Amino acid sequence: MKERLVKLYSERNALYRAFGTEYGRVGHSRGVDGSVAYLKQKYATMNNDKAVQARMRLDYPAVNTV
């Protein structure tokens, strides 16, 4: 079960970073729904989940903490 959760988190890590960035930028004025709606609108032209995830990895790169 733990491996499954780790794999799920690692696959969606770019999504979590994108949400955290957008919510942190204007979260209090837009709220959670507004941040999610913004991300949906930003990637609305892409109809493939893998393509959206790949694009999010480019738009919201991971920060190295080493």
C-alpha atoms as a PDB file:
ATOM      1  CA  MET A   1       0.000   0.000   0.000  1.00  0.00           C
ATOM      2  CA  LYS A   2       2.815   2.406   0.874  1.00  0.00           C
ATOM      3  CA  GLU A   3       4.568   1.854  -2.491  1.00  0.00           C
ATOM      4  CA  ARG A   4       1.297   2.600  -4.263  1.00  0.00           C
ATOM      5  CA  LEU A   5       0.879   5.909  -2.424  1.00  0.00           C
ATOM      6  CA  VAL A   6       4.488   6.906  -3.086  1.00  0.00           C
ATOM      7  CA  LYS A   7       4.088   6.128  -6.786  1.00  0.00           C
ATOM      8  CA  LEU A   8       0.825   8.058  -6.949  1.00  0.00           C
ATOM      9  CA  TYR A   9       2.390  11.081  -5.244  1.00  0.00           C
ATOM     10  CA  SER A  10       5.468  11.031  -7.466  1.00  0.00           C
ATOM     11  CA  GLU A  11       3.332  10.869 -10.609  1.00  0.00           C
ATOM     12  CA  ARG A  12       1.217  13.819  -9.463  1.00  0.00           C
ATOM     13  CA  ASN A  13       4.031  15.820  -7.904  1.00  0.00           C
ATOM     14  CA  ALA A  14       3.961  18.439 -10.675  1.00  0.00           C
ATOM     15  CA  LEU A  15       0.239  18.935 -10.100  1.00  0.00           C
ATOM     16  CA  TYR A  16       0.807  19.510  -6.383  1.00  0.00           C
ATOM     17  CA  ARG A  17       3.621  22.003  -7.126  1.00  0.00           C
ATOM     18  CA  ALA A  18       1.442  23.851  -9.653  1.00  0.00           C
ATOM     19  CA  PHE A  19      -1.443  24.116  -7.206  1.00  0.00           C
ATOM     20  CA  GLY A  20       0.847  25.209  -4.374  1.00  0.00           C
ATOM     21  CA  THR A  21       2.426  27.888  -6.536  1.00  0.00           C
ATOM     22  CA  GLU A  22      -0.855  29.272  -7.842  1.00  0.00           C
ATOM     23  CA  TYR A  23      -2.600  29.105  -4.478  1.00  0.00           C
ATOM     24  CA  GLY A  24       0.374  30.752  -2.796  1.00  0.00           C
ATOM     25  CA  ARG A  25       0.418  33.552  -5.331  1.00  0.00           C
ATOM     26  CA  VAL A  26      -3.219  34.669  -5.026  1.00  0.00           C
ATOM     27  CA  GLY A  27      -4.843  32.027  -2.857  1.00  0.00           C
ATOM     28  CA  HIS A  28      -6.586  34.331  -0.420  1.00  0.00           C
ATOM     29  CA  SER A  29      -8.336  36.315  -3.113  1.00  0.00           C
ATOM     30  CA  ARG A  30      -9.289  33.378  -5.374  1.00  0.00           C
ATOM     31  CA  GLY A  31      -9.449  30.481  -2.959  1.00  0.00           C
ATOM     32  CA  VAL A  32      -8.944  26.808  -3.713  1.00  0.00           C
ATOM     33  CA  ASP A  33     -11.673  26.682  -6.358  1.00  0.00           C
ATOM     34  CA  GLY A  34     -10.203  29.664  -8.159  1.00  0.00           C
ATOM     35  CA  SER A  35      -6.722  28.169  -8.199  1.00  0.00           C
ATOM     36  CA  VAL A  36      -7.990  24.863  -9.571  1.00  0.00           C
ATOM     37  CA  ALA A  37     -10.123  26.672 -12.160  1.00  0.00           C
ATOM     38  CA  TYR A  38      -7.079  28.692 -13.264  1.00  0.00           C
ATOM     39  CA  LEU A  39      -4.994  25.555 -13.765  1.00  0.00           C
ATOM     40  CA  LYS A  40      -7.827  23.840 -15.646  1.00  0.00           C
ATOM     41  CA  GLN A  41      -8.147  26.867 -17.910  1.00  0.00           C
ATOM     42  CA  LYS A  42      -4.393  27.076 -18.452  1.00  0.00           C
ATOM     43  CA  TYR A  43      -4.187  23.490 -19.716  1.00  0.00           C
ATOM     44  CA  ALA A  44      -7.667  23.262 -21.290  1.00  0.00           C
ATOM     45  CA  THR A  45      -6.366  22.850 -24.830  1.00  0.00           C
ATOM     46  CA  MET A  46      -4.494  19.673 -23.894  1.00  0.00           C
ATOM     47  CA  ASN A  47      -6.731  16.614 -23.842  1.00  0.00           C
ATOM     48  CA  ASN A  48      -4.174  14.062 -22.666  1.00  0.00           C
ATOM     49  CA  ASP A  49      -3.383  13.682 -18.960  1.00  0.00           C
ATOM     50  CA  LYS A  50       0.205  12.610 -19.607  1.00  0.00           C
ATOM     51  CA  ALA A  51       0.807  15.645 -21.803  1.00  0.00           C
ATOM     52  CA  VAL A  52      -0.599  17.939 -19.112  1.00  0.00           C
ATOM     53  CA  GLN A  53       1.627  16.333 -16.476  1.00  0.00           C
ATOM     54  CA  ALA A  54       4.689  16.713 -18.725  1.00  0.00           C
ATOM     55  CA  ARG A  55       3.862  20.367 -19.389  1.00  0.00           C
ATOM     56  CA  MET A  56       3.353  21.024 -15.662  1.00  0.00           C
ATOM     57  CA  ARG A  57       6.782  19.554 -14.948  1.00  0.00           C
ATOM     58  CA  LEU A  58       8.241  22.144 -17.323  1.00  0.00           C
ATOM     59  CA  ASP A  59       6.131  25.045 -16.051  1.00  0.00           C
ATOM     60  CA  TYR A  60       6.600  24.256 -12.349  1.00  0.00           C
ATOM     61  CA  PRO A  61      10.035  22.618 -11.941  1.00  0.00           C
ATOM     62  CA  ALA A  62      11.028  20.865  -8.733  1.00  0.00           C
ATOM     63  CA  VAL A  63      13.203  22.764  -6.319  1.00  0.00           C
ATOM     64  CA  ASN A  64      16.291  20.863  -5.285  1.00  0.00           C
ATOM     65  CA  THR A  65      16.592  20.759  -1.531  1.00  0.00           C
ATOM     66  CA  VAL A  66      20.019  19.100  -1.373  1.00  0.00           C
END
